[in-house]
Amino acid sequence: MFSEKINQLGKALEDRLNPALVEGALDYIQHNEEPLAFEILCDHISEYDISITSEEYELITSLVEDMRLDINAAPFKYMKSLVI
């Protein structure tokens, strides 16, 4: 259900984040673990201080809302500070 948006985010980050990390996170989608894939991807963004665009931030916040996750919980609460 959310896999297309998560894959879109992962593809957008491949030039800034180690592709193996992106692939590892996205692999969870194949096991019906979309929330886990998304959280791991956001963990990597935060952990490695990867700058994100405002469009990527909007995609992240949209997914957080759609998946009914807490925007104030880690790793999502760190995303706003990474917007360039």
Protein backbone atom coordinates (compact mmCIF):
# COMPACT_ATOMS: atom_id res chain seq x y z
CA MET A 1 0.00 0.00 0.00
CA PHE A 2 2.81 2.41 0.91
CA SER A 3 5.56 0.62 -0.98
CA GLU A 4 5.50 2.92 -4.01
CA LYS A 5 6.14 6.03 -1.90
CA ILE A 6 8.82 4.30 0.20
CA ASN A 7 10.57 3.09 -2.95
CA GLN A 8 10.35 6.61 -4.38
CA LEU A 9 12.08 7.99 -1.29
CA GLY A 10 14.74 5.28 -1.40
CA LYS A 11 15.50 5.91 -5.06
CA ALA A 12 15.79 9.65 -4.42
CA LEU A 13 18.41 9.01 -1.72
CA GLU A 14 20.66 6.59 -3.59
CA ASP A 15 23.12 9.32 -4.58
CA ARG A 16 23.45 10.56 -0.98
CA LEU A 17 23.10 7.39 1.06
CA ASN A 18 25.00 4.16 0.60
CA PRO A 19 22.94 2.16 -1.95
CA ALA A 20 23.42 -1.02 0.10
CA LEU A 21 21.72 0.67 3.08
CA VAL A 22 18.85 1.82 0.87
CA GLU A 23 18.49 -1.64 -0.67
CA GLY A 24 18.60 -3.30 2.75
CA ALA A 25 15.82 -1.06 4.06
CA LEU A 26 13.68 -1.44 0.96
CA ASP A 27 14.07 -5.22 1.08
CA TYR A 28 11.67 -5.29 4.03
CA ILE A 29 8.87 -4.26 1.66
CA GLN A 30 9.15 -7.66 -0.02
CA HIS A 31 8.31 -9.24 3.36
CA ASN A 32 5.21 -7.06 3.91
CA GLU A 33 7.07 -4.92 6.45
CA GLU A 34 6.45 -1.49 4.93
CA PRO A 35 6.49 0.42 8.25
CA LEU A 36 9.78 -1.23 9.20
CA ALA A 37 11.30 -0.45 5.78
CA PHE A 38 10.27 3.18 6.13
CA GLU A 39 11.53 3.50 9.70
CA ILE A 40 14.90 1.94 8.83
CA LEU A 41 15.27 4.26 5.86
CA CYS A 42 14.52 7.26 8.08
CA ASP A 43 16.94 5.92 10.70
CA HIS A 44 19.69 5.87 8.07
CA ILE A 45 18.84 9.40 6.94
CA SER A 46 19.08 10.64 10.50
CA GLU A 47 22.07 8.56 11.56
CA TYR A 48 24.21 9.62 8.61
CA ASP A 49 22.98 13.26 8.59
CA ILE A 50 21.71 13.00 5.02
CA SER A 51 20.31 16.28 3.74
CA ILE A 52 16.83 16.01 2.27
CA THR A 53 14.86 18.30 0.01
CA SER A 54 11.61 19.91 1.03
CA GLU A 55 9.83 17.55 -1.39
CA GLU A 56 11.41 14.53 0.30
CA TYR A 57 10.41 15.94 3.68
CA GLU A 58 6.83 16.32 2.47
CA LEU A 59 6.89 12.72 1.25
CA ILE A 60 8.21 11.57 4.63
CA THR A 61 5.60 13.51 6.60
CA SER A 62 2.87 12.26 4.27
CA LEU A 63 3.95 8.67 4.89
CA VAL A 64 4.15 9.26 8.64
CA GLU A 65 0.60 10.60 8.60
CA ASP A 66 -0.76 7.91 6.28
CA MET A 67 0.86 5.13 8.31
CA ARG A 68 -0.39 6.72 11.53
CA LEU A 69 3.08 6.97 13.00
CA ASP A 70 4.18 9.58 15.53
CA ILE A 71 6.00 12.50 13.86
CA ASN A 72 7.43 13.41 17.28
CA ALA A 73 9.09 10.03 17.73
CA ALA A 74 12.56 9.09 16.56
CA PRO A 75 13.65 8.95 13.79
CA PHE A 76 10.90 11.08 12.26
CA LYS A 77 11.33 14.03 14.64
CA TYR A 78 14.85 14.61 13.26
CA MET A 79 13.81 14.90 9.60
CA LYS A 80 12.90 18.61 9.67
CA SER A 81 16.41 19.57 10.75
CA LEU A 82 17.87 17.82 7.70
CA VAL A 83 15.90 19.77 5.09
CA ILE A 84 18.11 21.86 2.80
